Amino acid sequence: MIFSDLIPFNPNYHQCFDPNLAWFGLYSVDKEASWNWIDNTPFNFSEWAPGRPSNSHGYDNCGFLHGTSCGISYGKWGDGLCDAKVGYSVCKKPAFS
């Protein structure tokens, strides 16, 4: 299961804008030359959609999970503006032992 299965994206909302995006703690400070997690764990896995990250605005420094097709595979990552008002945020929680 990927975490896009856990987010209650609205299946009736088919626009490619912010309400069906989820921010999950991925950011860049060097115009996407490298990516970082907000908790500083190593960035060693990615699910970028084809052609992403694209930095189309010149400062698309946050990674987002897409909840609609929008030309990007559902559940794949895209890049966008960090000040976007997205519909969801994914938080890290310690696993039970």
C-alpha atoms as a PDB file:
ATOM      1  CA  MET A   1       0.000   0.000   0.000  1.00  0.00           C
ATOM      2  CA  ILE A   2       1.304   3.434  -0.828  1.00  0.00           C
ATOM      3  CA  PHE A   3       0.376   6.328   1.405  1.00  0.00           C
ATOM      4  CA  SER A   4      -1.819   7.880  -1.300  1.00  0.00           C
ATOM      5  CA  ASP A   5      -4.230   5.055  -0.444  1.00  0.00           C
ATOM      6  CA  LEU A   6      -4.489   6.430   3.096  1.00  0.00           C
ATOM      7  CA  ILE A   7      -5.370  10.009   2.127  1.00  0.00           C
ATOM      8  CA  PRO A   8      -9.079  10.679   1.552  1.00  0.00           C
ATOM      9  CA  PHE A   9      -8.628  12.450  -1.791  1.00  0.00           C
ATOM     10  CA  ASN A  10     -11.982  13.493  -3.235  1.00  0.00           C
ATOM     11  CA  PRO A  11     -12.580  11.201  -6.251  1.00  0.00           C
ATOM     12  CA  ASN A  12     -15.129  13.670  -7.631  1.00  0.00           C
ATOM     13  CA  TYR A  13     -12.624  16.526  -7.731  1.00  0.00           C
ATOM     14  CA  HIS A  14     -10.878  16.153 -11.060  1.00  0.00           C
ATOM     15  CA  GLN A  15      -9.050  19.463 -11.249  1.00  0.00           C
ATOM     16  CA  CYS A  16      -5.295  19.555 -11.051  1.00  0.00           C
ATOM     17  CA  PHE A  17      -5.084  22.208  -8.369  1.00  0.00           C
ATOM     18  CA  ASP A  18      -4.111  22.298  -4.746  1.00  0.00           C
ATOM     19  CA  PRO A  19      -7.062  20.608  -2.955  1.00  0.00           C
ATOM     20  CA  ASN A  20      -6.034  17.207  -4.309  1.00  0.00           C
ATOM     21  CA  LEU A  21      -2.362  17.568  -3.457  1.00  0.00           C
ATOM     22  CA  ALA A  22      -0.618  16.409  -0.304  1.00  0.00           C
ATOM     23  CA  TRP A  23       2.642  17.781   1.042  1.00  0.00           C
ATOM     24  CA  PHE A  24       4.718  15.090   2.688  1.00  0.00           C
ATOM     25  CA  GLY A  25       7.830  16.796   3.995  1.00  0.00           C
ATOM     26  CA  LEU A  26      10.054  16.925   0.916  1.00  0.00           C
ATOM     27  CA  TYR A  27      11.813  20.161  -0.042  1.00  0.00           C
ATOM     28  CA  SER A  28      14.783  21.581  -1.934  1.00  0.00           C
ATOM     29  CA  VAL A  29      16.871  24.658  -1.176  1.00  0.00           C
ATOM     30  CA  ASP A  30      19.083  24.574  -4.277  1.00  0.00           C
ATOM     31  CA  LYS A  31      16.681  24.745  -7.238  1.00  0.00           C
ATOM     32  CA  GLU A  32      16.084  20.978  -7.126  1.00  0.00           C
ATOM     33  CA  ALA A  33      19.727  19.951  -7.395  1.00  0.00           C
ATOM     34  CA  SER A  34      19.108  17.933  -4.220  1.00  0.00           C
ATOM     35  CA  TRP A  35      16.096  17.076  -2.063  1.00  0.00           C
ATOM     36  CA  ASN A  36      15.703  16.832   1.709  1.00  0.00           C
ATOM     37  CA  TRP A  37      13.208  15.468   4.206  1.00  0.00           C
ATOM     38  CA  ILE A  38      12.161  17.891   6.941  1.00  0.00           C
ATOM     39  CA  ASP A  39      13.293  15.426   9.626  1.00  0.00           C
ATOM     40  CA  ASN A  40      16.741  15.087   7.975  1.00  0.00           C
ATOM     41  CA  THR A  41      16.408  11.370   7.267  1.00  0.00           C
ATOM     42  CA  PRO A  42      18.403  10.397   4.158  1.00  0.00           C
ATOM     43  CA  PHE A  43      16.661  11.007   0.842  1.00  0.00           C
ATOM     44  CA  ASN A  44      17.154   7.587  -0.735  1.00  0.00           C
ATOM     45  CA  PHE A  45      13.776   6.826  -2.312  1.00  0.00           C
ATOM     46  CA  SER A  46      11.594   8.674  -4.785  1.00  0.00           C
ATOM     47  CA  GLU A  47       8.392   8.186  -6.745  1.00  0.00           C
ATOM     48  CA  TRP A  48       8.707  11.120  -9.155  1.00  0.00           C
ATOM     49  CA  ALA A  49       6.243  11.136 -12.004  1.00  0.00           C
ATOM     50  CA  PRO A  50       7.834  11.086 -15.472  1.00  0.00           C
ATOM     51  CA  GLY A  51       9.292  14.502 -16.278  1.00  0.00           C
ATOM     52  CA  ARG A  52       9.342  15.554 -12.619  1.00  0.00           C
ATOM     53  CA  PRO A  53      10.762  17.381 -10.852  1.00  0.00           C
ATOM     54  CA  SER A  54      10.456  20.061 -13.505  1.00  0.00           C
ATOM     55  CA  ASN A  55      10.922  23.357 -11.624  1.00  0.00           C
ATOM     56  CA  SER A  56       8.556  24.937 -14.142  1.00  0.00           C
ATOM     57  CA  HIS A  57       8.152  28.145 -12.101  1.00  0.00           C
ATOM     58  CA  GLY A  58      11.846  28.411 -11.310  1.00  0.00           C
ATOM     59  CA  TYR A  59      11.252  27.904  -7.586  1.00  0.00           C
ATOM     60  CA  ASP A  60       9.153  24.737  -7.263  1.00  0.00           C
ATOM     61  CA  ASN A  61      10.951  23.630  -4.143  1.00  0.00           C
ATOM     62  CA  CYS A  62       8.440  21.296  -2.474  1.00  0.00           C
ATOM     63  CA  GLY A  63       7.423  17.767  -3.351  1.00  0.00           C
ATOM     64  CA  PHE A  64       3.727  16.908  -3.539  1.00  0.00           C
ATOM     65  CA  LEU A  65       1.718  13.736  -3.873  1.00  0.00           C
ATOM     66  CA  HIS A  66      -0.932  13.921  -6.576  1.00  0.00           C
ATOM     67  CA  GLY A  67      -4.447  12.716  -5.814  1.00  0.00           C
ATOM     68  CA  THR A  68      -5.814  13.162  -9.344  1.00  0.00           C
ATOM     69  CA  SER A  69      -4.397  12.208 -12.685  1.00  0.00           C
ATOM     70  CA  CYS A  70      -3.512  15.769 -13.821  1.00  0.00           C
ATOM     71  CA  GLY A  71      -1.235  14.271 -16.422  1.00  0.00           C
ATOM     72  CA  ILE A  72       0.676  12.674 -13.550  1.00  0.00           C
ATOM     73  CA  SER A  73       0.123   9.137 -12.383  1.00  0.00           C
ATOM     74  CA  TYR A  74      -2.046   8.956  -9.271  1.00  0.00           C
ATOM     75  CA  GLY A  75       0.133   8.615  -6.215  1.00  0.00           C
ATOM     76  CA  LYS A  76       3.285   9.817  -7.971  1.00  0.00           C
ATOM     77  CA  TRP A  77       5.282  12.833  -6.901  1.00  0.00           C
ATOM     78  CA  GLY A  78       5.375  16.228  -8.524  1.00  0.00           C
ATOM     79  CA  ASP A  79       7.067  19.454  -7.569  1.00  0.00           C
ATOM     80  CA  GLY A  80       5.427  22.755  -6.821  1.00  0.00           C
ATOM     81  CA  LEU A  81       5.444  25.987  -4.906  1.00  0.00           C
ATOM     82  CA  CYS A  82       6.041  25.607  -1.189  1.00  0.00           C
ATOM     83  CA  ASP A  83       3.431  28.234  -0.358  1.00  0.00           C
ATOM     84  CA  ALA A  84       0.647  26.312  -2.132  1.00  0.00           C
ATOM     85  CA  LYS A  85      -2.387  25.745   0.084  1.00  0.00           C
ATOM     86  CA  VAL A  86      -2.692  22.013  -0.405  1.00  0.00           C
ATOM     87  CA  GLY A  87      -5.578  19.863   0.752  1.00  0.00           C
ATOM     88  CA  TYR A  88      -3.513  17.475   2.867  1.00  0.00           C
ATOM     89  CA  SER A  89      -0.261  17.071   4.744  1.00  0.00           C
ATOM     90  CA  VAL A  90       1.260  13.735   5.642  1.00  0.00           C
ATOM     91  CA  CYS A  91       2.913  13.479   9.040  1.00  0.00           C
ATOM     92  CA  LYS A  92       5.476  10.977  10.239  1.00  0.00           C
ATOM     93  CA  LYS A  93       4.541   8.933  13.281  1.00  0.00           C
ATOM     94  CA  PRO A  94       6.798   6.469  15.122  1.00  0.00           C
ATOM     95  CA  ALA A  95       5.951   2.825  14.489  1.00  0.00           C
ATOM     96  CA  PHE A  96       4.602   0.751  17.326  1.00  0.00           C
ATOM     97  CA  SER A  97       7.115  -1.676  18.770  1.00  0.00           C
END
